[in-house]
């Protein structure tokens, strides 16, 4: 029987302009019993999260309880890096873990993403072992509310 409990369904937003890569990551995430929303551009991701309009910061939770975001680095228009910056600047989503994936192993790029708030940087093709690394970050996010009082 298994996964009937809603608590176990974490919602991941996957962003990749390549259909093949998107299908692959979607399948891997579903194998790990994540609920997945896949979009094909950075601007669609921002739209989904309700961050499309800079001014409109006090929107209701449009992001439908996204627990985690995984995005390709190289995309036309808004890159994964731009997306990361926008998410980290947003009051609603700055605590959501962001993972970046890329087919190119460029240390300076990887470091820049990590310095600007990405949790991890995966090299493509993403493997199941990478997807398994998402889990601890999700659990961490769950307990965050309790220690928010202690913090700043």
Protein backbone atom coordinates (compact mmCIF):
# COMPACT_ATOMS: atom_id res chain seq x y z
CA UNK A 1 0.00 0.00 0.00
CA UNK A 2 2.45 2.66 1.20
CA UNK A 3 2.28 6.28 0.21
CA UNK A 4 -1.19 7.45 1.13
CA UNK A 5 0.02 9.87 3.78
CA UNK A 6 0.10 13.39 2.36
CA UNK A 7 3.04 14.25 4.57
CA UNK A 8 5.28 12.06 2.45
CA UNK A 9 4.41 13.85 -0.78
CA UNK A 10 6.97 16.58 -1.15
CA UNK A 11 6.34 18.96 -3.99
CA UNK A 12 9.31 19.61 -6.26
CA UNK A 13 9.38 22.24 -9.00
CA UNK A 14 11.69 21.06 -11.81
CA UNK A 15 12.85 23.58 -14.40
CA UNK A 16 14.61 22.56 -17.62
CA UNK A 17 14.29 23.77 -21.20
CA UNK A 18 15.19 20.35 -22.59
CA UNK A 19 12.22 18.01 -22.85
CA UNK A 20 14.40 14.91 -22.53
CA UNK A 21 16.14 16.17 -19.41
CA UNK A 22 12.83 17.29 -17.95
CA UNK A 23 11.28 13.86 -18.49
CA UNK A 24 14.32 12.21 -16.95
CA UNK A 25 14.32 14.34 -13.81
CA UNK A 26 10.55 14.00 -13.53
CA UNK A 27 10.82 10.22 -13.67
CA UNK A 28 13.61 10.14 -11.10
CA UNK A 29 11.66 12.37 -8.74
CA UNK A 30 8.51 10.31 -9.12
CA UNK A 31 10.49 7.14 -8.50
CA UNK A 32 11.40 8.72 -5.16
CA UNK A 33 7.69 9.44 -4.63
CA UNK A 34 7.95 13.20 -4.97
CA UNK A 35 5.10 15.17 -6.43
CA UNK A 36 6.51 17.01 -9.44
CA UNK A 37 5.62 20.12 -11.37
CA UNK A 38 7.87 20.43 -14.42
CA UNK A 39 8.17 23.66 -16.41
CA UNK A 40 10.35 24.46 -19.41
CA UNK A 41 11.69 27.92 -18.61
CA UNK A 42 12.82 30.18 -15.82
CA UNK A 43 10.02 32.62 -16.52
CA UNK A 44 7.41 29.84 -16.26
CA UNK A 45 8.96 28.85 -12.95
CA UNK A 46 8.66 32.43 -11.67
CA UNK A 47 5.09 32.54 -12.94
CA UNK A 48 4.27 29.31 -11.11
CA UNK A 49 5.79 30.69 -7.91
CA UNK A 50 3.96 33.98 -8.36
CA UNK A 51 7.22 35.91 -8.63
CA UNK A 52 6.69 37.11 -12.16
CA UNK A 53 5.98 40.70 -11.18
CA UNK A 54 8.75 42.28 -9.13
CA UNK A 55 6.41 44.68 -7.35
CA UNK A 56 3.87 42.11 -6.23
CA UNK A 57 5.60 40.77 -3.14
CA UNK A 58 2.58 40.24 -0.92
CA UNK A 59 0.82 37.68 -3.07
CA UNK A 60 -0.92 34.74 -1.45
CA UNK A 61 0.96 31.44 -1.61
CA UNK A 62 0.75 30.81 -5.31
CA UNK A 63 3.63 28.37 -5.19
CA UNK A 64 1.30 25.65 -3.91
CA UNK A 65 3.61 24.55 -1.17
CA UNK A 66 6.70 23.93 -3.24
CA UNK A 67 9.19 22.22 -0.92
CA UNK A 68 12.15 22.26 -3.27
CA UNK A 69 13.24 23.61 -6.63
CA UNK A 70 15.64 21.93 -9.04
CA UNK A 71 16.67 23.86 -12.12
CA UNK A 72 18.93 23.56 -15.12
CA UNK A 73 21.69 26.17 -15.23
CA UNK A 74 21.76 26.94 -18.96
CA UNK A 75 18.38 28.06 -20.23
CA UNK A 76 17.38 30.73 -22.73
CA UNK A 77 16.04 33.89 -21.11
CA UNK A 78 16.19 33.41 -17.37
CA UNK A 79 19.06 31.10 -16.45
CA UNK A 80 19.05 28.78 -13.48
CA UNK A 81 21.35 31.25 -11.79
CA UNK A 82 18.92 34.15 -12.34
CA UNK A 83 16.14 31.96 -11.01
CA UNK A 84 18.18 31.13 -7.92
CA UNK A 85 18.81 34.83 -7.24
CA UNK A 86 15.13 35.70 -7.63
CA UNK A 87 14.04 32.90 -5.30
CA UNK A 88 16.58 33.86 -2.64
CA UNK A 89 15.46 37.51 -2.84
CA UNK A 90 11.81 36.61 -2.39
CA UNK A 91 10.40 36.71 1.11
CA UNK A 92 8.07 33.77 0.45
CA UNK A 93 10.56 31.33 -1.04
CA UNK A 94 13.98 32.24 0.31
CA UNK A 95 13.92 29.18 2.61
CA UNK A 96 13.07 26.76 -0.19
CA UNK A 97 16.13 24.68 -1.11
CA UNK A 98 17.30 25.22 -4.69
CA UNK A 99 19.38 22.66 -6.56
CA UNK A 100 21.11 23.51 -9.82
CA UNK A 101 22.01 21.00 -12.52
CA UNK A 102 24.28 21.43 -15.51
CA UNK A 103 25.91 19.28 -18.14
CA UNK A 104 29.08 21.38 -17.85
CA UNK A 105 31.50 20.99 -15.00
CA UNK A 106 32.70 24.58 -14.55
CA UNK A 107 34.04 25.06 -11.01
CA UNK A 108 33.69 28.86 -11.00
CA UNK A 109 30.05 28.56 -12.05
CA UNK A 110 29.37 25.86 -9.50
CA UNK A 111 30.95 27.91 -6.73
CA UNK A 112 29.02 31.01 -7.68
CA UNK A 113 25.73 29.13 -7.48
CA UNK A 114 26.63 27.62 -4.11
CA UNK A 115 27.78 30.98 -2.76
CA UNK A 116 24.51 32.54 -3.83
CA UNK A 117 22.39 30.04 -1.98
CA UNK A 118 22.07 26.84 -4.03
CA UNK A 119 22.08 23.73 -1.83
CA UNK A 120 23.92 21.54 -4.30
CA UNK A 121 25.07 21.46 -7.90
CA UNK A 122 24.41 18.26 -9.84
CA UNK A 123 26.16 17.32 -13.03
CA UNK A 124 23.91 15.92 -15.71
CA UNK A 125 22.72 13.37 -16.39
CA UNK A 126 21.18 13.50 -12.93
CA UNK A 127 21.14 10.09 -11.26
CA UNK A 128 18.90 8.53 -8.68
CA UNK A 129 21.71 8.91 -6.14
CA UNK A 130 21.55 12.70 -6.71
CA UNK A 131 17.81 12.74 -6.24
CA UNK A 132 18.26 10.89 -2.95
CA UNK A 133 20.36 13.82 -1.74
CA UNK A 134 17.28 16.03 -1.94
CA UNK A 135 15.53 14.27 0.91
CA UNK A 136 17.53 15.50 3.92
CA UNK A 137 17.02 19.07 2.73
CA UNK A 138 13.27 18.56 2.63
CA UNK A 139 13.16 17.18 6.14
CA UNK A 140 15.21 20.14 7.30
CA UNK A 141 12.70 22.50 5.76
CA UNK A 142 9.89 20.93 7.71
CA UNK A 143 11.31 21.70 11.12
CA UNK A 144 12.42 25.19 10.18
CA UNK A 145 9.27 26.82 11.52
CA UNK A 146 10.01 25.70 15.04
CA UNK A 147 13.42 27.32 15.28
CA UNK A 148 12.44 30.49 13.48
CA UNK A 149 11.63 32.13 16.82
CA UNK A 150 15.20 31.65 18.01
CA UNK A 151 16.63 33.15 14.88
CA UNK A 152 16.93 36.80 13.73
